[in-house]
PDB file of all heavy atoms in Angstrom:
ATOM      1  N   LEU A   1     -34.781 109.821 -42.970  1.00  0.00           N
ATOM      2  CA  LEU A   1     -35.394 108.867 -42.029  1.00  0.00           C
ATOM      3  C   LEU A   1     -36.826 109.351 -41.589  1.00  0.00           C
ATOM      4  O   LEU A   1     -37.651 108.607 -41.499  1.00  0.00           O
ATOM      5  CB  LEU A   1     -34.572 108.779 -40.738  1.00  0.00           C
ATOM      6  CG  LEU A   1     -34.898 107.539 -39.774  1.00  0.00           C
ATOM      7  CD1 LEU A   1     -34.800 106.245 -40.728  1.00  0.00           C
ATOM      8  CD2 LEU A   1     -33.861 107.558 -38.789  1.00  0.00           C
ATOM      9  N   PRO A   2     -37.146 110.724 -41.417  1.00  0.00           N
ATOM     10  CA  PRO A   2     -38.503 111.098 -41.139  1.00  0.00           C
ATOM     11  C   PRO A   2     -39.478 110.676 -42.265  1.00  0.00           C
ATOM     12  O   PRO A   2     -40.507 110.386 -42.001  1.00  0.00           O
ATOM     13  CB  PRO A   2     -38.330 112.664 -40.867  1.00  0.00           C
ATOM     14  CG  PRO A   2     -37.069 112.866 -40.564  1.00  0.00           C
ATOM     15  CD  PRO A   2     -36.102 111.839 -41.260  1.00  0.00           C
ATOM     16  N   THR A   3     -39.013 110.960 -43.468  1.00  0.00           N
ATOM     17  CA  THR A   3     -39.812 110.478 -44.654  1.00  0.00           C
ATOM     18  C   THR A   3     -40.081 109.067 -44.653  1.00  0.00           C
ATOM     19  O   THR A   3     -41.138 108.595 -44.941  1.00  0.00           O
ATOM     20  CB  THR A   3     -39.240 111.091 -46.012  1.00  0.00           C
ATOM     21  OG1 THR A   3     -39.125 112.531 -46.009  1.00  0.00           O
ATOM     22  CG2 THR A   3     -40.099 110.626 -47.126  1.00  0.00           C
ATOM     23  N   THR A   4     -38.969 108.275 -44.464  1.00  0.00           N
ATOM     24  CA  THR A   4     -39.066 106.870 -44.491  1.00  0.00           C
ATOM     25  C   THR A   4     -39.982 106.240 -43.420  1.00  0.00           C
ATOM     26  O   THR A   4     -40.815 105.375 -43.807  1.00  0.00           O
ATOM     27  CB  THR A   4     -37.659 106.224 -44.315  1.00  0.00           C
ATOM     28  OG1 THR A   4     -36.735 106.685 -45.224  1.00  0.00           O
ATOM     29  CG2 THR A   4     -37.768 104.682 -44.319  1.00  0.00           C
ATOM     30  N   ILE A   5     -39.919 106.855 -42.206  1.00  0.00           N
ATOM     31  CA  ILE A   5     -40.811 106.362 -41.145  1.00  0.00           C
ATOM     32  C   ILE A   5     -42.266 106.675 -41.494  1.00  0.00           C
ATOM     33  O   ILE A   5     -43.185 105.781 -41.304  1.00  0.00           O
ATOM     34  CB  ILE A   5     -40.404 107.032 -39.785  1.00  0.00           C
ATOM     35  CG1 ILE A   5     -39.049 106.400 -39.335  1.00  0.00           C
ATOM     36  CG2 ILE A   5     -41.451 106.732 -38.740  1.00  0.00           C
ATOM     37  CD1 ILE A   5     -38.476 107.178 -38.163  1.00  0.00           C
ATOM     38  N   ALA A   6     -42.442 107.862 -42.082  1.00  0.00           N
ATOM     39  CA  ALA A   6     -43.881 108.343 -42.370  1.00  0.00           C
ATOM     40  C   ALA A   6     -44.382 107.432 -43.498  1.00  0.00           C
ATOM     41  O   ALA A   6     -45.496 107.133 -43.617  1.00  0.00           O
ATOM     42  CB  ALA A   6     -43.878 109.797 -42.850  1.00  0.00           C
ATOM     43  N   ALA A   7     -43.548 107.066 -44.388  1.00  0.00           N
ATOM     44  CA  ALA A   7     -43.972 106.142 -45.650  1.00  0.00           C
ATOM     45  C   ALA A   7     -44.265 104.775 -45.124  1.00  0.00           C
ATOM     46  O   ALA A   7     -45.336 104.349 -45.517  1.00  0.00           O
ATOM     47  CB  ALA A   7     -42.721 106.113 -46.475  1.00  0.00           C
ATOM     48  N   ILE A   8     -43.573 104.225 -44.207  1.00  0.00           N
ATOM     49  CA  ILE A   8     -43.779 102.950 -43.644  1.00  0.00           C
ATOM     50  C   ILE A   8     -45.096 103.055 -42.889  1.00  0.00           C
ATOM     51  O   ILE A   8     -45.932 102.087 -42.945  1.00  0.00           O
ATOM     52  CB  ILE A   8     -42.746 102.451 -42.664  1.00  0.00           C
ATOM     53  CG1 ILE A   8     -41.480 102.212 -43.491  1.00  0.00           C
ATOM     54  CG2 ILE A   8     -43.062 101.186 -41.919  1.00  0.00           C
ATOM     55  CD1 ILE A   8     -40.244 102.119 -42.638  1.00  0.00           C
ATOM     56  N   LEU A   9     -45.356 104.070 -41.967  1.00  0.00           N
ATOM     57  CA  LEU A   9     -46.638 104.235 -41.310  1.00  0.00           C
ATOM     58  C   LEU A   9     -47.728 104.274 -42.166  1.00  0.00           C
ATOM     59  O   LEU A   9     -48.913 103.725 -42.029  1.00  0.00           O
ATOM     60  CB  LEU A   9     -46.447 105.356 -40.408  1.00  0.00           C
ATOM     61  CG  LEU A   9     -47.788 105.787 -39.498  1.00  0.00           C
ATOM     62  CD1 LEU A   9     -48.135 104.464 -38.681  1.00  0.00           C
ATOM     63  CD2 LEU A   9     -47.502 106.922 -38.685  1.00  0.00           C
ATOM     64  N   MET A  10     -47.684 105.069 -43.401  1.00  0.00           N
ATOM     65  CA  MET A  10     -48.739 105.236 -44.286  1.00  0.00           C
ATOM     66  C   MET A  10     -49.011 103.944 -44.933  1.00  0.00           C
ATOM     67  O   MET A  10     -50.193 103.644 -45.167  1.00  0.00           O
ATOM     68  CB  MET A  10     -48.317 106.304 -45.282  1.00  0.00           C
ATOM     69  CG  MET A  10     -49.409 106.782 -46.183  1.00  0.00           C
ATOM     70  SD  MET A  10     -48.872 108.143 -47.230  1.00  0.00           S
ATOM     71  CE  MET A  10     -50.310 108.501 -48.141  1.00  0.00           C
ATOM     72  N   LEU A  11     -48.164 103.126 -45.189  1.00  0.00           N
ATOM     73  CA  LEU A  11     -48.436 101.724 -45.886  1.00  0.00           C
ATOM     74  C   LEU A  11     -49.076 100.910 -44.860  1.00  0.00           C
ATOM     75  O   LEU A  11     -50.173 100.222 -45.209  1.00  0.00           O
ATOM     76  CB  LEU A  11     -47.061 101.035 -46.212  1.00  0.00           C
ATOM     77  CG  LEU A  11     -46.332 101.773 -47.385  1.00  0.00           C
ATOM     78  CD1 LEU A  11     -44.997 101.122 -47.645  1.00  0.00           C
ATOM     79  CD2 LEU A  11     -47.074 101.574 -48.703  1.00  0.00           C
ATOM     80  N   PHE A  12     -48.778 101.007 -43.515  1.00  0.00           N
ATOM     81  CA  PHE A  12     -49.449 100.158 -42.551  1.00  0.00           C
ATOM     82  C   PHE A  12     -50.924 100.574 -42.335  1.00  0.00           C
ATOM     83  O   PHE A  12     -51.786  99.725 -42.261  1.00  0.00           O
ATOM     84  CB  PHE A  12     -48.698 100.366 -41.190  1.00  0.00           C
ATOM     85  CG  PHE A  12     -49.377  99.712 -40.084  1.00  0.00           C
ATOM     86  CD1 PHE A  12     -49.346  98.297 -39.910  1.00  0.00           C
ATOM     87  CD2 PHE A  12     -49.947 100.405 -39.036  1.00  0.00           C
ATOM     88  CE1 PHE A  12     -49.909  97.602 -38.815  1.00  0.00           C
ATOM     89  CE2 PHE A  12     -50.565  99.727 -38.001  1.00  0.00           C
ATOM     90  CZ  PHE A  12     -50.618  98.378 -37.915  1.00  0.00           C
ATOM     91  N   VAL A  13     -51.088 101.858 -42.233  1.00  0.00           N
ATOM     92  CA  VAL A  13     -52.410 102.332 -42.085  1.00  0.00           C
ATOM     93  C   VAL A  13     -53.334 102.044 -43.335  1.00  0.00           C
ATOM     94  O   VAL A  13     -54.474 101.717 -43.103  1.00  0.00           O
ATOM     95  CB  VAL A  13     -52.363 103.994 -41.891  1.00  0.00           C
ATOM     96  CG1 VAL A  13     -53.909 104.429 -41.781  1.00  0.00           C
ATOM     97  CG2 VAL A  13     -51.755 104.354 -40.589  1.00  0.00           C
ATOM     98  N   THR A  14     -52.725 102.023 -44.531  1.00  0.00           N
ATOM     99  CA  THR A  14     -53.393 101.692 -45.749  1.00  0.00           C
ATOM    100  C   THR A  14     -53.788 100.233 -45.589  1.00  0.00           C
ATOM    101  O   THR A  14     -54.936  99.807 -46.077  1.00  0.00           O
ATOM    102  CB  THR A  14     -52.481 101.896 -46.986  1.00  0.00           C
ATOM    103  OG1 THR A  14     -52.177 103.230 -47.002  1.00  0.00           O
ATOM    104  CG2 THR A  14     -53.358 101.552 -48.249  1.00  0.00           C
ATOM    105  N   TYR A  15     -52.956  99.356 -45.080  1.00  0.00           N
ATOM    106  CA  TYR A  15     -53.175  97.953 -44.816  1.00  0.00           C
ATOM    107  C   TYR A  15     -54.400  97.763 -43.928  1.00  0.00           C
ATOM    108  O   TYR A  15     -55.346  97.029 -44.227  1.00  0.00           O
ATOM    109  CB  TYR A  15     -51.993  97.272 -44.237  1.00  0.00           C
ATOM    110  CG  TYR A  15     -52.183  95.817 -43.906  1.00  0.00           C
ATOM    111  CD1 TYR A  15     -51.927  94.814 -44.813  1.00  0.00           C
ATOM    112  CD2 TYR A  15     -52.455  95.356 -42.540  1.00  0.00           C
ATOM    113  CE1 TYR A  15     -52.176  93.475 -44.530  1.00  0.00           C
ATOM    114  CE2 TYR A  15     -52.550  94.168 -42.261  1.00  0.00           C
ATOM    115  CZ  TYR A  15     -52.518  93.162 -43.162  1.00  0.00           C
ATOM    116  OH  TYR A  15     -52.504  91.739 -42.859  1.00  0.00           O
ATOM    117  N   LYS A  16     -54.399  98.487 -42.837  1.00  0.00           N
ATOM    118  CA  LYS A  16     -55.534  98.398 -41.778  1.00  0.00           C
ATOM    119  C   LYS A  16     -56.831  98.987 -42.450  1.00  0.00           C
ATOM    120  O   LYS A  16     -57.810  98.472 -42.080  1.00  0.00           O
ATOM    121  CB  LYS A  16     -55.130  99.187 -40.614  1.00  0.00           C
ATOM    122  CG  LYS A  16     -53.879  98.642 -39.854  1.00  0.00           C
ATOM    123  CD  LYS A  16     -53.946  97.198 -39.525  1.00  0.00           C
ATOM    124  CE  LYS A  16     -54.793  96.864 -38.461  1.00  0.00           C
ATOM    125  NZ  LYS A  16     -54.886  95.455 -37.974  1.00  0.00           N
ATOM    126  N   PHE A  17     -56.563 100.002 -43.159  1.00  0.00           N
ATOM    127  CA  PHE A  17     -57.806 100.719 -43.864  1.00  0.00           C
ATOM    128  C   PHE A  17     -58.517  99.550 -44.732  1.00  0.00           C
ATOM    129  O   PHE A  17     -59.719  99.531 -44.792  1.00  0.00           O
ATOM    130  CB  PHE A  17     -57.212 101.718 -44.743  1.00  0.00           C
ATOM    131  CG  PHE A  17     -58.173 102.997 -44.730  1.00  0.00           C
ATOM    132  CD1 PHE A  17     -57.639 104.358 -44.830  1.00  0.00           C
ATOM    133  CD2 PHE A  17     -59.521 102.901 -44.696  1.00  0.00           C
ATOM    134  CE1 PHE A  17     -58.379 105.405 -44.763  1.00  0.00           C
ATOM    135  CE2 PHE A  17     -60.353 104.002 -44.852  1.00  0.00           C
ATOM    136  CZ  PHE A  17     -59.770 105.280 -44.751  1.00  0.00           C
ATOM    137  N   HIS A  18     -57.753  98.829 -45.514  1.00  0.00           N
ATOM    138  CA  HIS A  18     -58.179  97.745 -46.434  1.00  0.00           C
ATOM    139  C   HIS A  18     -58.947  96.683 -45.601  1.00  0.00           C
ATOM    140  O   HIS A  18     -60.077  96.335 -45.917  1.00  0.00           O
ATOM    141  CB  HIS A  18     -57.107  97.108 -47.294  1.00  0.00           C
ATOM    142  CG  HIS A  18     -57.577  96.196 -48.227  1.00  0.00           C
ATOM    143  ND1 HIS A  18     -57.249  96.404 -49.533  1.00  0.00           N
ATOM    144  CD2 HIS A  18     -58.177  94.973 -48.180  1.00  0.00           C
ATOM    145  CE1 HIS A  18     -57.797  95.282 -50.192  1.00  0.00           C
ATOM    146  NE2 HIS A  18     -58.397  94.353 -49.406  1.00  0.00           N
ATOM    147  N   GLU A  19     -58.272  96.293 -44.458  1.00  0.00           N
ATOM    148  CA  GLU A  19     -59.044  95.307 -43.526  1.00  0.00           C
ATOM    149  C   GLU A  19     -60.375  95.814 -43.123  1.00  0.00           C
ATOM    150  O   GLU A  19     -61.338  95.071 -43.078  1.00  0.00           O
ATOM    151  CB  GLU A  19     -58.150  95.004 -42.319  1.00  0.00           C
ATOM    152  CG  GLU A  19     -56.934  94.027 -42.693  1.00  0.00           C
ATOM    153  CD  GLU A  19     -56.301  93.632 -41.293  1.00  0.00           C
ATOM    154  OE1 GLU A  19     -56.329  94.320 -40.357  1.00  0.00           O
ATOM    155  OE2 GLU A  19     -55.620  92.631 -41.356  1.00  0.00           O
ATOM    156  N   GLU A  20     -60.328  97.100 -42.734  1.00  0.00           N
ATOM    157  CA  GLU A  20     -61.670  97.622 -42.237  1.00  0.00           C
ATOM    158  C   GLU A  20     -62.741  97.763 -43.253  1.00  0.00           C
ATOM    159  O   GLU A  20     -63.807  97.496 -43.041  1.00  0.00           O
ATOM    160  CB  GLU A  20     -61.337  99.086 -41.641  1.00  0.00           C
ATOM    161  CG  GLU A  20     -62.333  99.666 -40.774  1.00  0.00           C
ATOM    162  CD  GLU A  20     -62.563  98.964 -39.374  1.00  0.00           C
ATOM    163  OE1 GLU A  20     -61.479  98.382 -38.942  1.00  0.00           O
ATOM    164  OE2 GLU A  20     -63.578  98.989 -38.861  1.00  0.00           O
ATOM    165  N   LEU A  21     -62.414  98.183 -44.537  1.00  0.00           N
ATOM    166  CA  LEU A  21     -63.469  98.478 -45.527  1.00  0.00           C
ATOM    167  C   LEU A  21     -63.762  97.166 -46.418  1.00  0.00           C
ATOM    168  O   LEU A  21     -64.879  97.057 -46.945  1.00  0.00           O
ATOM    169  CB  LEU A  21     -63.082  99.657 -46.325  1.00  0.00           C
ATOM    170  CG  LEU A  21     -62.817 100.942 -45.683  1.00  0.00           C
ATOM    171  CD1 LEU A  21     -62.460 102.086 -46.700  1.00  0.00           C
ATOM    172  CD2 LEU A  21     -64.298 101.391 -44.996  1.00  0.00           C
ATOM    173  N   PHE A  22     -62.792  96.368 -46.442  1.00  0.00           N
ATOM    174  CA  PHE A  22     -62.970  95.180 -47.366  1.00  0.00           C
ATOM    175  C   PHE A  22     -62.896  93.879 -46.640  1.00  0.00           C
ATOM    176  O   PHE A  22     -63.786  93.463 -46.057  1.00  0.00           O
ATOM    177  CB  PHE A  22     -62.008  95.182 -48.720  1.00  0.00           C
ATOM    178  CG  PHE A  22     -62.057  96.533 -49.396  1.00  0.00           C
ATOM    179  CD1 PHE A  22     -60.838  97.322 -49.580  1.00  0.00           C
ATOM    180  CD2 PHE A  22     -63.187  97.045 -49.888  1.00  0.00           C
ATOM    181  CE1 PHE A  22     -61.034  98.497 -50.349  1.00  0.00           C
ATOM    182  CE2 PHE A  22     -63.298  98.179 -50.605  1.00  0.00           C
ATOM    183  CZ  PHE A  22     -62.166  98.943 -50.850  1.00  0.00           C
ATOM    184  N   ASN A  23     -61.686  93.322 -46.726  1.00  0.00           N
ATOM    185  CA  ASN A  23     -61.423  92.016 -46.095  1.00  0.00           C
ATOM    186  C   ASN A  23     -59.903  91.844 -45.775  1.00  0.00           C
ATOM    187  O   ASN A  23     -59.190  92.613 -46.312  1.00  0.00           O
ATOM    188  CB  ASN A  23     -61.950  90.863 -46.903  1.00  0.00           C
ATOM    189  CG  ASN A  23     -61.301  90.845 -48.267  1.00  0.00           C
ATOM    190  OD1 ASN A  23     -60.149  90.824 -48.483  1.00  0.00           O
ATOM    191  ND2 ASN A  23     -62.181  90.940 -49.337  1.00  0.00           N
ATOM    192  N   LYS A  24     -59.654  90.865 -45.004  1.00  0.00           N
ATOM    193  CA  LYS A  24     -58.272  90.686 -44.382  1.00  0.00           C
ATOM    194  C   LYS A  24     -57.499  89.837 -45.470  1.00  0.00           C
ATOM    195  O   LYS A  24     -56.219  89.945 -45.529  1.00  0.00           O
ATOM    196  CB  LYS A  24     -58.238  89.892 -43.130  1.00  0.00           C
ATOM    197  CG  LYS A  24     -58.710  90.815 -41.985  1.00  0.00           C
ATOM    198  CD  LYS A  24     -58.538  90.122 -40.685  1.00  0.00           C
ATOM    199  CE  LYS A  24     -59.089  90.982 -39.431  1.00  0.00           C
ATOM    200  NZ  LYS A  24     -58.988  90.381 -38.149  1.00  0.00           N
ATOM    201  N   LYS A  25     -58.161  89.166 -46.312  1.00  0.00           N
ATOM    202  CA  LYS A  25     -57.544  88.100 -47.247  1.00  0.00           C
ATOM    203  C   LYS A  25     -56.554  88.840 -48.169  1.00  0.00           C
ATOM    204  O   LYS A  25     -55.464  88.439 -48.401  1.00  0.00           O
ATOM    205  CB  LYS A  25     -58.447  87.425 -47.969  1.00  0.00           C
ATOM    206  CG  LYS A  25     -57.999  86.259 -48.850  1.00  0.00           C
ATOM    207  CD  LYS A  25     -59.018  85.399 -49.549  1.00  0.00           C
ATOM    208  CE  LYS A  25     -58.382  84.241 -50.299  1.00  0.00           C
ATOM    209  NZ  LYS A  25     -59.442  83.571 -51.066  1.00  0.00           N
ATOM    210  N   TYR A  26     -56.937  89.923 -48.754  1.00  0.00           N
ATOM    211  CA  TYR A  26     -56.155  90.495 -49.758  1.00  0.00           C
ATOM    212  C   TYR A  26     -55.614  91.999 -49.263  1.00  0.00           C
ATOM    213  O   TYR A  26     -55.275  92.930 -50.046  1.00  0.00           O
ATOM    214  CB  TYR A  26     -56.910  90.754 -51.089  1.00  0.00           C
ATOM    215  CG  TYR A  26     -57.216  89.419 -51.689  1.00  0.00           C
ATOM    216  CD1 TYR A  26     -58.563  89.121 -51.880  1.00  0.00           C
ATOM    217  CD2 TYR A  26     -56.196  88.508 -52.218  1.00  0.00           C
ATOM    218  CE1 TYR A  26     -58.779  87.882 -52.374  1.00  0.00           C
ATOM    219  CE2 TYR A  26     -56.539  87.393 -52.829  1.00  0.00           C
ATOM    220  CZ  TYR A  26     -57.821  87.064 -52.957  1.00  0.00           C
ATOM    221  OH  TYR A  26     -58.153  85.748 -53.474  1.00  0.00           O
TER     222      TYR A  26
END
């Protein structure tokens, strides 16, 4: 579970990272 939670959080931060540097569309 600790790894799973960290993996989910990392995916979410990557999503927000993309929004910040590129665009929300993709």
